[in-house]
N, C-alpha and C. Protein backbone atom coordinates (compact mmCIF):
# COMPACT_ATOMS: atom_id res chain seq x y z
N MET A 1 76.38 68.09 141.74
CA MET A 1 76.79 67.65 143.06
C MET A 1 77.38 66.26 142.95
N ALA A 2 77.07 65.41 143.86
CA ALA A 2 77.62 64.06 143.85
C ALA A 2 76.63 63.11 143.21
N GLN A 3 77.17 62.08 142.56
CA GLN A 3 76.32 61.13 141.86
C GLN A 3 76.87 59.74 142.11
N ALA A 4 76.04 58.85 142.54
CA ALA A 4 76.46 57.48 142.80
C ALA A 4 76.23 56.64 141.57
N LEU A 5 77.25 55.98 141.11
CA LEU A 5 77.17 55.14 139.92
C LEU A 5 77.59 53.72 140.29
N GLY A 6 77.16 52.81 139.55
CA GLY A 6 77.61 51.44 139.76
C GLY A 6 76.47 50.52 140.11
N THR A 7 76.80 49.48 140.77
CA THR A 7 75.79 48.47 141.11
C THR A 7 74.98 48.91 142.31
N SER A 8 74.07 48.11 142.66
CA SER A 8 73.24 48.43 143.82
C SER A 8 73.96 48.10 145.13
N ASP A 9 75.21 47.65 144.99
CA ASP A 9 76.00 47.34 146.18
C ASP A 9 76.34 48.65 146.91
N LYS A 10 76.17 48.69 148.22
CA LYS A 10 76.39 49.91 148.98
C LYS A 10 77.87 50.25 149.13
N LYS A 11 78.78 49.34 148.88
CA LYS A 11 80.21 49.61 149.01
C LYS A 11 80.77 50.35 147.80
N SER A 12 80.16 50.28 146.70
CA SER A 12 80.69 50.87 145.49
C SER A 12 80.02 52.22 145.23
N VAL A 13 80.76 53.31 145.49
CA VAL A 13 80.23 54.65 145.26
C VAL A 13 81.30 55.44 144.50
N ASN A 14 80.92 56.05 143.41
CA ASN A 14 81.83 56.87 142.62
C ASN A 14 81.30 58.31 142.68
N VAL A 15 82.13 59.25 143.13
CA VAL A 15 81.69 60.63 143.31
C VAL A 15 82.47 61.51 142.36
N ASP A 16 81.77 62.36 141.60
CA ASP A 16 82.40 63.35 140.73
C ASP A 16 82.21 64.72 141.38
N LEU A 17 83.32 65.40 141.61
CA LEU A 17 83.26 66.73 142.21
C LEU A 17 83.12 67.78 141.13
N ASN A 18 82.30 68.77 141.39
CA ASN A 18 82.16 69.89 140.49
C ASN A 18 83.17 70.95 140.95
N ILE A 19 84.24 71.18 140.16
CA ILE A 19 85.29 72.11 140.57
C ILE A 19 85.14 73.49 139.94
N ILE A 20 84.09 73.73 139.21
CA ILE A 20 83.88 75.04 138.58
C ILE A 20 83.75 76.15 139.62
N PRO A 21 83.00 75.99 140.72
CA PRO A 21 82.97 77.07 141.72
C PRO A 21 84.35 77.34 142.33
N PHE A 22 85.14 76.29 142.52
CA PHE A 22 86.49 76.46 143.05
C PHE A 22 87.36 77.28 142.08
N ILE A 23 87.26 77.00 140.80
CA ILE A 23 88.02 77.74 139.79
C ILE A 23 87.56 79.20 139.75
N ASP A 24 86.25 79.43 139.86
CA ASP A 24 85.74 80.80 139.90
C ASP A 24 86.28 81.56 141.11
N LEU A 25 86.29 80.92 142.25
CA LEU A 25 86.80 81.56 143.46
C LEU A 25 88.29 81.89 143.32
N MET A 26 89.06 80.95 142.79
CA MET A 26 90.50 81.18 142.64
C MET A 26 90.79 82.30 141.64
N SER A 27 90.03 82.39 140.57
CA SER A 27 90.27 83.48 139.61
C SER A 27 89.92 84.83 140.22
N CYS A 28 88.87 84.90 141.04
CA CYS A 28 88.54 86.16 141.71
C CYS A 28 89.61 86.55 142.72
N ILE A 29 90.09 85.60 143.49
CA ILE A 29 91.13 85.89 144.47
C ILE A 29 92.42 86.32 143.78
N THR A 30 92.78 85.68 142.69
CA THR A 30 93.99 86.05 141.95
C THR A 30 93.89 87.47 141.41
N ALA A 31 92.74 87.81 140.84
CA ALA A 31 92.56 89.18 140.33
C ALA A 31 92.62 90.18 141.48
N PHE A 32 92.01 89.88 142.62
CA PHE A 32 92.04 90.78 143.76
C PHE A 32 93.47 90.98 144.26
N LEU A 33 94.24 89.91 144.38
CA LEU A 33 95.61 90.03 144.86
C LEU A 33 96.48 90.82 143.89
N MET A 34 96.30 90.65 142.60
CA MET A 34 97.10 91.41 141.64
C MET A 34 96.78 92.90 141.72
N VAL A 35 95.52 93.25 141.89
CA VAL A 35 95.14 94.66 141.98
C VAL A 35 95.67 95.28 143.27
N THR A 36 95.55 94.58 144.40
CA THR A 36 96.04 95.14 145.65
C THR A 36 97.55 95.23 145.67
N ALA A 37 98.25 94.34 145.00
CA ALA A 37 99.70 94.44 144.93
C ALA A 37 100.12 95.72 144.22
N VAL A 38 99.39 96.13 143.21
CA VAL A 38 99.69 97.39 142.52
C VAL A 38 99.41 98.56 143.44
N TRP A 39 98.31 98.52 144.20
CA TRP A 39 98.00 99.62 145.12
C TRP A 39 99.06 99.75 146.20
N ILE A 40 99.56 98.65 146.70
CA ILE A 40 100.58 98.69 147.75
C ILE A 40 101.84 99.34 147.21
N ASN A 41 102.24 99.03 146.01
CA ASN A 41 103.45 99.62 145.44
C ASN A 41 103.27 101.10 145.14
N ILE A 42 102.08 101.53 144.78
CA ILE A 42 101.84 102.94 144.49
C ILE A 42 101.82 103.75 145.78
N ALA A 43 101.30 103.19 146.86
CA ALA A 43 101.10 103.94 148.10
C ALA A 43 102.33 104.01 148.99
N GLN A 44 103.43 103.42 148.60
CA GLN A 44 104.59 103.44 149.49
C GLN A 44 105.36 104.75 149.37
N LEU A 45 106.01 105.11 150.43
CA LEU A 45 106.80 106.33 150.51
C LEU A 45 108.27 105.91 150.47
N GLU A 46 108.97 106.31 149.43
CA GLU A 46 110.36 105.91 149.30
C GLU A 46 111.24 106.88 150.06
N ILE A 47 111.99 106.34 150.99
CA ILE A 47 112.94 107.15 151.74
C ILE A 47 114.27 106.43 151.76
N ARG A 48 115.31 107.20 151.89
CA ARG A 48 116.64 106.64 152.06
C ARG A 48 117.19 107.14 153.38
N PRO A 49 117.78 106.27 154.18
CA PRO A 49 118.36 106.74 155.42
C PRO A 49 119.43 107.79 155.15
N ALA A 50 119.46 108.80 155.97
CA ALA A 50 120.45 109.86 155.82
C ALA A 50 121.18 110.04 157.13
N GLY A 51 122.29 110.70 157.09
CA GLY A 51 123.02 111.01 158.31
C GLY A 51 124.05 109.97 158.64
N HIS A 52 124.59 110.09 159.84
CA HIS A 52 125.64 109.20 160.32
C HIS A 52 125.03 108.09 161.15
N ALA A 53 125.88 107.24 161.65
CA ALA A 53 125.42 106.20 162.55
C ALA A 53 124.94 106.85 163.85
N ARG A 54 124.19 106.12 164.59
CA ARG A 54 123.58 106.65 165.80
C ARG A 54 124.62 107.20 166.79
N ASP A 55 125.71 106.51 166.99
CA ASP A 55 126.68 106.92 168.01
C ASP A 55 127.88 107.66 167.44
N ALA A 56 127.87 107.98 166.16
CA ALA A 56 129.00 108.70 165.56
C ALA A 56 128.97 110.16 165.98
N PRO A 57 130.14 110.72 166.23
CA PRO A 57 130.16 112.15 166.59
C PRO A 57 129.87 113.00 165.36
N PRO A 58 129.35 114.21 165.55
CA PRO A 58 129.12 115.08 164.40
C PRO A 58 130.44 115.45 163.73
N CYS A 59 130.39 115.68 162.45
CA CYS A 59 131.58 115.98 161.67
C CYS A 59 131.99 117.43 161.90
N VAL A 60 133.23 117.64 162.36
CA VAL A 60 133.70 119.00 162.59
C VAL A 60 135.06 119.26 161.94
N GLU A 61 135.69 118.24 161.38
CA GLU A 61 137.01 118.44 160.78
C GLU A 61 136.89 119.10 159.42
N ILE A 62 138.00 119.65 158.95
CA ILE A 62 138.04 120.35 157.66
C ILE A 62 137.89 119.36 156.50
N ASP A 63 138.47 118.17 156.62
CA ASP A 63 138.48 117.23 155.50
C ASP A 63 137.26 116.31 155.47
N CYS A 64 136.22 116.66 156.17
CA CYS A 64 134.99 115.84 156.15
C CYS A 64 134.23 116.06 154.86
N ASP A 65 133.11 115.41 154.78
CA ASP A 65 132.22 115.59 153.64
C ASP A 65 131.77 117.04 153.56
N PRO A 66 131.21 117.43 152.42
CA PRO A 66 130.67 118.80 152.33
C PRO A 66 129.59 119.03 153.38
N PRO A 67 129.32 120.27 153.73
CA PRO A 67 128.30 120.53 154.76
C PRO A 67 126.94 119.98 154.36
N LYS A 68 126.23 119.52 155.37
CA LYS A 68 124.88 118.99 155.16
C LYS A 68 123.90 119.80 155.98
N LEU A 69 122.70 119.90 155.46
CA LEU A 69 121.64 120.63 156.13
C LEU A 69 120.76 119.62 156.87
N SER A 70 120.53 119.89 158.15
CA SER A 70 119.75 118.98 158.98
C SER A 70 118.58 119.71 159.60
N VAL A 71 117.44 119.03 159.69
CA VAL A 71 116.24 119.58 160.32
C VAL A 71 115.83 118.61 161.42
N LEU A 72 115.68 119.13 162.63
CA LEU A 72 115.26 118.33 163.77
C LEU A 72 113.94 118.88 164.29
N ILE A 73 112.92 118.04 164.32
CA ILE A 73 111.61 118.43 164.83
C ILE A 73 111.50 117.94 166.26
N GLU A 74 111.34 118.86 167.19
CA GLU A 74 111.16 118.52 168.60
C GLU A 74 109.74 118.87 169.01
N ALA A 75 109.41 118.62 170.25
CA ALA A 75 108.05 118.85 170.73
C ALA A 75 107.65 120.32 170.65
N ASP A 76 108.60 121.23 170.93
CA ASP A 76 108.26 122.66 170.96
C ASP A 76 108.99 123.48 169.91
N ASP A 77 109.97 122.93 169.24
CA ASP A 77 110.81 123.71 168.33
C ASP A 77 111.15 122.90 167.08
N ILE A 78 111.61 123.62 166.08
CA ILE A 78 112.25 123.03 164.91
C ILE A 78 113.65 123.62 164.84
N TRP A 79 114.64 122.76 164.71
CA TRP A 79 116.04 123.20 164.60
C TRP A 79 116.51 122.97 163.18
N VAL A 80 117.13 123.97 162.60
CA VAL A 80 117.77 123.84 161.29
C VAL A 80 119.25 124.04 161.52
N GLY A 81 120.04 123.04 161.16
CA GLY A 81 121.48 123.10 161.43
C GLY A 81 122.30 122.77 160.21
N VAL A 82 123.51 123.34 160.18
CA VAL A 82 124.48 123.08 159.11
C VAL A 82 125.66 122.37 159.74
N SER A 83 126.03 121.21 159.20
CA SER A 83 127.17 120.49 159.74
C SER A 83 128.46 121.22 159.40
N ARG A 84 129.52 120.86 160.09
CA ARG A 84 130.87 121.42 159.96
C ARG A 84 131.01 122.83 160.49
N VAL A 85 129.98 123.63 160.49
CA VAL A 85 130.10 124.98 161.03
C VAL A 85 129.27 125.15 162.30
N ASN A 86 128.50 124.14 162.67
CA ASN A 86 127.66 124.16 163.86
C ASN A 86 126.82 125.43 163.95
N ASP A 87 126.16 125.73 162.87
CA ASP A 87 125.26 126.88 162.80
C ASP A 87 123.84 126.35 162.94
N PHE A 88 123.15 126.78 164.00
CA PHE A 88 121.80 126.29 164.26
C PHE A 88 120.83 127.45 164.34
N GLN A 89 119.64 127.21 163.81
CA GLN A 89 118.56 128.19 163.87
C GLN A 89 117.37 127.53 164.53
N LYS A 90 116.82 128.18 165.54
CA LYS A 90 115.69 127.63 166.30
C LYS A 90 114.41 128.31 165.84
N LEU A 91 113.43 127.52 165.46
CA LEU A 91 112.12 128.02 165.06
C LEU A 91 111.09 127.53 166.07
N PRO A 92 110.70 128.40 167.04
CA PRO A 92 109.73 127.95 168.05
C PRO A 92 108.34 127.76 167.46
N LYS A 93 107.53 127.00 168.17
CA LYS A 93 106.14 126.78 167.75
C LYS A 93 105.37 128.09 167.85
N ILE A 94 104.41 128.23 166.98
CA ILE A 94 103.50 129.36 167.03
C ILE A 94 102.15 128.86 167.54
N GLN A 95 101.17 129.72 167.63
CA GLN A 95 99.87 129.33 168.19
C GLN A 95 99.20 128.22 167.40
N THR A 96 99.37 128.21 166.09
CA THR A 96 98.68 127.22 165.26
C THR A 96 99.47 125.93 165.12
N GLY A 97 100.64 125.84 165.71
CA GLY A 97 101.46 124.64 165.60
C GLY A 97 102.88 125.01 165.18
N TYR A 98 103.49 124.14 164.40
CA TYR A 98 104.85 124.41 163.94
C TYR A 98 104.85 125.53 162.90
N ASP A 99 105.94 126.27 162.85
CA ASP A 99 106.09 127.40 161.94
C ASP A 99 106.63 126.90 160.59
N TRP A 100 105.73 126.39 159.75
CA TRP A 100 106.16 125.82 158.47
C TRP A 100 106.60 126.90 157.49
N THR A 101 106.00 128.07 157.55
CA THR A 101 106.46 129.15 156.66
C THR A 101 107.83 129.65 157.09
N GLY A 102 108.09 129.70 158.39
CA GLY A 102 109.42 130.07 158.88
C GLY A 102 110.46 129.04 158.47
N LEU A 103 110.08 127.76 158.52
CA LEU A 103 111.00 126.71 158.09
C LEU A 103 111.28 126.82 156.60
N GLU A 104 110.25 127.09 155.82
CA GLU A 104 110.46 127.24 154.38
C GLU A 104 111.36 128.44 154.09
N THR A 105 111.16 129.53 154.79
CA THR A 105 112.01 130.72 154.60
C THR A 105 113.46 130.42 154.96
N ALA A 106 113.66 129.72 156.07
CA ALA A 106 115.03 129.37 156.48
C ALA A 106 115.69 128.43 155.47
N LEU A 107 114.93 127.44 154.99
CA LEU A 107 115.50 126.50 154.02
C LEU A 107 115.79 127.19 152.69
N ARG A 108 114.93 128.10 152.27
CA ARG A 108 115.19 128.84 151.02
C ARG A 108 116.43 129.72 151.16
N ALA A 109 116.63 130.30 152.35
CA ALA A 109 117.83 131.11 152.57
C ALA A 109 119.09 130.24 152.50
N HIS A 110 119.03 129.05 153.07
CA HIS A 110 120.17 128.14 152.98
C HIS A 110 120.38 127.68 151.54
N LYS A 111 119.30 127.44 150.82
CA LYS A 111 119.40 127.00 149.43
C LYS A 111 120.05 128.08 148.57
N ALA A 112 119.85 129.34 148.91
CA ALA A 112 120.44 130.43 148.14
C ALA A 112 121.90 130.67 148.49
N SER A 113 122.38 130.08 149.60
CA SER A 113 123.77 130.30 150.00
C SER A 113 124.72 129.50 149.11
N ALA A 114 125.98 129.84 149.18
CA ALA A 114 126.98 129.17 148.34
C ALA A 114 127.18 127.71 148.73
N PHE A 115 126.91 127.37 150.00
CA PHE A 115 127.07 125.99 150.46
C PHE A 115 126.07 125.05 149.79
N PHE A 116 124.86 125.52 149.60
CA PHE A 116 123.77 124.61 149.22
C PHE A 116 123.10 124.94 147.90
N GLU A 117 123.65 125.85 147.10
CA GLU A 117 122.98 126.20 145.86
C GLU A 117 122.93 125.04 144.87
N ARG A 118 123.91 124.15 144.92
CA ARG A 118 123.91 122.98 144.02
C ARG A 118 123.58 121.68 144.73
N VAL A 119 123.20 121.77 145.97
CA VAL A 119 122.89 120.59 146.78
C VAL A 119 121.38 120.38 146.77
N SER A 120 120.97 119.13 146.62
CA SER A 120 119.53 118.85 146.62
C SER A 120 119.12 117.93 147.75
N ASN A 121 120.08 117.53 148.61
CA ASN A 121 119.72 116.60 149.68
C ASN A 121 119.66 117.31 151.03
N ILE A 122 118.83 116.78 151.88
CA ILE A 122 118.62 117.30 153.23
C ILE A 122 118.24 116.12 154.10
N GLU A 123 118.57 116.20 155.38
CA GLU A 123 118.20 115.12 156.31
C GLU A 123 117.25 115.68 157.37
N ILE A 124 116.23 114.90 157.67
CA ILE A 124 115.18 115.32 158.60
C ILE A 124 115.01 114.24 159.65
N ALA A 125 114.81 114.66 160.90
CA ALA A 125 114.56 113.73 161.99
C ALA A 125 113.50 114.32 162.90
N ALA A 126 112.77 113.45 163.58
CA ALA A 126 111.77 113.88 164.55
C ALA A 126 112.11 113.24 165.89
N ASP A 127 112.23 114.06 166.92
CA ASP A 127 112.55 113.58 168.27
C ASP A 127 111.25 113.29 169.01
N SER A 128 110.63 112.17 168.67
CA SER A 128 109.35 111.79 169.24
C SER A 128 109.58 110.84 170.41
N THR A 129 109.07 111.21 171.56
CA THR A 129 109.18 110.38 172.74
C THR A 129 107.78 110.11 173.29
N ALA A 130 107.71 109.23 174.29
CA ALA A 130 106.41 108.94 174.89
C ALA A 130 105.85 110.17 175.61
N ALA A 131 106.74 110.95 176.20
CA ALA A 131 106.29 112.15 176.91
C ALA A 131 105.88 113.25 175.94
N HIS A 132 106.59 113.37 174.82
CA HIS A 132 106.31 114.40 173.82
C HIS A 132 106.23 113.76 172.44
N PRO A 133 105.10 113.14 172.10
CA PRO A 133 105.00 112.49 170.78
C PRO A 133 104.87 113.53 169.67
N ILE A 134 105.45 113.21 168.54
CA ILE A 134 105.33 114.04 167.35
C ILE A 134 104.56 113.24 166.32
N ALA A 135 103.52 113.83 165.80
CA ALA A 135 102.65 113.14 164.86
C ALA A 135 103.39 112.88 163.55
N TYR A 136 103.04 111.79 162.92
CA TYR A 136 103.65 111.43 161.63
C TYR A 136 103.38 112.51 160.59
N GLN A 137 102.23 113.15 160.68
CA GLN A 137 101.87 114.20 159.73
C GLN A 137 102.83 115.38 159.83
N GLU A 138 103.38 115.63 161.02
CA GLU A 138 104.35 116.72 161.19
C GLU A 138 105.64 116.40 160.43
N LEU A 139 106.06 115.16 160.46
CA LEU A 139 107.26 114.75 159.71
C LEU A 139 107.02 114.88 158.21
N ILE A 140 105.85 114.50 157.75
CA ILE A 140 105.51 114.62 156.33
C ILE A 140 105.44 116.10 155.93
N ALA A 141 104.90 116.95 156.81
CA ALA A 141 104.84 118.39 156.52
C ALA A 141 106.24 118.97 156.40
N ALA A 142 107.18 118.51 157.24
CA ALA A 142 108.56 118.98 157.14
C ALA A 142 109.19 118.52 155.83
N MET A 143 108.90 117.30 155.42
CA MET A 143 109.43 116.80 154.15
C MET A 143 108.86 117.61 152.98
N ASP A 144 107.57 117.89 153.01
CA ASP A 144 106.94 118.69 151.95
C ASP A 144 107.52 120.10 151.90
N THR A 145 107.77 120.67 153.06
CA THR A 145 108.35 122.01 153.12
C THR A 145 109.75 122.02 152.54
N ALA A 146 110.54 120.98 152.83
CA ALA A 146 111.89 120.88 152.28
C ALA A 146 111.85 120.76 150.76
N VAL A 147 110.92 119.99 150.24
CA VAL A 147 110.79 119.84 148.78
C VAL A 147 110.37 121.17 148.16
N LYS A 148 109.45 121.90 148.81
CA LYS A 148 109.04 123.20 148.30
C LYS A 148 110.20 124.20 148.29
N ALA A 149 111.11 124.06 149.23
CA ALA A 149 112.25 124.97 149.30
C ALA A 149 113.34 124.62 148.31
N GLY A 150 113.24 123.49 147.62
CA GLY A 150 114.21 123.13 146.60
C GLY A 150 115.09 121.95 146.93
N PHE A 151 114.92 121.35 148.11
CA PHE A 151 115.69 120.16 148.48
C PHE A 151 114.84 118.94 148.14
N ILE A 152 115.07 118.38 146.95
CA ILE A 152 114.19 117.32 146.46
C ILE A 152 114.62 115.93 146.94
N ASP A 153 115.82 115.80 147.45
CA ASP A 153 116.31 114.51 147.92
C ASP A 153 116.26 114.50 149.44
N VAL A 154 115.12 114.13 149.99
CA VAL A 154 114.88 114.18 151.43
C VAL A 154 115.20 112.83 152.04
N GLY A 155 116.05 112.83 153.06
CA GLY A 155 116.39 111.61 153.78
C GLY A 155 115.90 111.71 155.21
N ILE A 156 115.47 110.58 155.76
CA ILE A 156 114.96 110.56 157.13
C ILE A 156 115.92 109.73 157.97
N THR A 157 116.22 110.23 159.14
CA THR A 157 117.11 109.54 160.07
C THR A 157 116.58 109.73 161.48
N ASP A 158 117.23 109.07 162.43
CA ASP A 158 116.87 109.31 163.82
C ASP A 158 117.60 110.55 164.32
N PRO A 159 117.17 111.15 165.39
CA PRO A 159 117.79 112.41 165.85
C PRO A 159 119.28 112.27 166.15
N GLN A 160 119.72 111.12 166.62
CA GLN A 160 121.14 110.95 166.93
C GLN A 160 121.97 110.75 165.68
N GLY A 161 121.35 110.47 164.54
CA GLY A 161 122.07 110.24 163.30
C GLY A 161 122.22 111.47 162.43
N LEU A 162 121.73 112.62 162.88
CA LEU A 162 121.85 113.84 162.09
C LEU A 162 123.30 114.28 162.00
N SER A 163 123.67 114.84 160.88
CA SER A 163 125.02 115.37 160.72
C SER A 163 125.23 116.60 161.59
N ALA A 164 124.22 117.41 161.74
CA ALA A 164 124.27 118.59 162.61
C ALA A 164 123.16 118.44 163.63
N ARG A 165 123.55 118.23 164.89
CA ARG A 165 122.55 118.10 165.94
C ARG A 165 122.80 119.16 167.02
N PRO A 166 121.77 119.84 167.42
CA PRO A 166 121.95 120.83 168.46
C PRO A 166 122.23 120.16 169.81
N VAL A 167 123.14 120.72 170.54
CA VAL A 167 123.45 120.21 171.89
C VAL A 167 122.80 121.15 172.88
N LEU A 168 121.85 120.61 173.62
CA LEU A 168 121.09 121.46 174.55
C LEU A 168 121.65 121.35 175.93
């Protein structure tokens, strides 16, 4: 602790601080921060934005990019659409929730077509509003279903940024 050295004069006090507990605390904190930094990097979900800008019109011209497959999750339905041809498939909810097997079947059928047999990217969006919220787990389930169907490059965008968006 502290030790007073010197003369018997009350003005002269020399104090030596013991900094070993401080060094112990700093080494523990440093080790904790390094370990948690690794956990944070492992637990992140890497996504790349997909689709067009929010206010861009959907691509319908012949000289546009190749067709893209889009999945839109709404409160009651899942829409699977192909850009440039405006082909949409509606998958309504079933009693247990969203029809993930139907979505996988539809995506596998698109993957087998000539448009998408060599394509590995897909764009997914969830139309979540305050009136009809969509759980984050539903978006992850759609991403997992797309990967199971063979689309390994999954991009997430907002509903207005999809290349193929259904007009209701």
